[in-house]
Protein backbone atom coordinates (compact mmCIF):
# COMPACT_ATOMS: atom_id res chain seq x y z
CA MET A 1 13.04 -27.69 11.32
CA LYS A 2 13.81 -26.96 7.59
CA PHE A 3 10.83 -24.80 7.37
CA LEU A 4 12.06 -22.65 10.40
CA LEU A 5 15.31 -22.24 8.72
CA ARG A 6 13.65 -21.09 5.51
CA LEU A 7 11.74 -18.43 7.55
CA LYS A 8 14.96 -16.99 8.83
CA PHE A 9 16.08 -16.02 5.23
CA PHE A 10 12.71 -14.83 4.22
CA LYS A 11 12.65 -11.35 3.06
CA PRO A 12 9.07 -9.75 2.63
CA SER A 13 8.29 -8.10 -0.65
CA THR A 14 6.78 -5.12 0.96
CA VAL A 15 8.27 -2.40 3.25
CA THR A 16 6.65 -0.18 5.94
CA VAL A 17 6.11 3.44 5.18
CA ASN A 18 5.31 6.09 7.56
CA LEU A 19 3.52 9.06 6.33
CA ARG A 20 2.17 12.14 8.14
CA MET A 21 -1.22 13.31 6.66
CA PRO A 22 -3.84 15.77 7.83
CA LEU A 23 -6.51 14.17 9.59
CA SER A 24 -9.16 15.36 7.08
CA MET A 25 -7.27 13.62 4.37
CA VAL A 26 -7.18 10.31 6.26
CA ASN A 27 -10.94 10.58 7.00
CA ALA A 28 -11.65 11.38 3.25
CA LEU A 29 -9.52 8.47 2.27
CA LYS A 30 -11.37 6.17 4.59
CA MET A 31 -14.79 7.21 3.26
CA GLN A 32 -13.85 6.65 -0.23
CA ALA A 33 -12.31 3.37 0.50
CA ASN A 34 -15.48 2.32 2.43
CA LYS A 35 -17.57 3.21 -0.67
CA GLN A 36 -15.12 0.84 -2.67
CA ASP A 37 -15.44 -1.76 -0.06
CA VAL A 38 -11.68 -2.13 0.44
CA PRO A 39 -9.37 -1.39 3.38
CA TYR A 40 -8.10 2.34 3.29
CA GLN A 41 -4.55 1.30 3.05
CA SER A 42 -5.18 -0.89 0.14
CA TYR A 43 -7.18 2.08 -1.34
CA MET A 44 -4.25 4.33 -0.86
CA LYS A 45 -1.97 1.79 -2.73
CA MET A 46 -4.59 1.68 -5.59
CA ILE A 47 -4.33 5.31 -5.95
CA ILE A 48 -0.58 5.66 -5.88
CA ALA A 49 -0.29 2.73 -8.40
CA GLU A 50 -2.72 4.49 -10.79
CA VAL A 51 -0.83 7.78 -10.54
CA LEU A 52 2.41 5.94 -11.22
CA LYS A 53 0.78 4.23 -14.37
CA THR A 54 -0.10 7.45 -15.87
CA THR A 55 3.28 9.20 -15.26
CA ASP A 56 6.98 8.24 -15.89
CA GLY A 57 6.70 5.63 -13.10
CA ALA A 58 4.82 3.27 -15.48
CA ASN A 59 7.60 0.64 -15.11
CA PHE A 60 7.46 0.32 -11.28
CA PHE A 61 5.93 -3.15 -11.27
């Protein structure tokens, strides 16, 4: 029972983001992610993280 009570107060460390993109861009991301052997959504996060590291968003982690 204690475990179920803890889950009630659990807050995930990630949030859901909806993003509209051209189909051609999504397809290109999927092809590049496949070459890296990673899921395309993880690949998108990797790209965003890399850009943030090279800009003023370096302290986002």
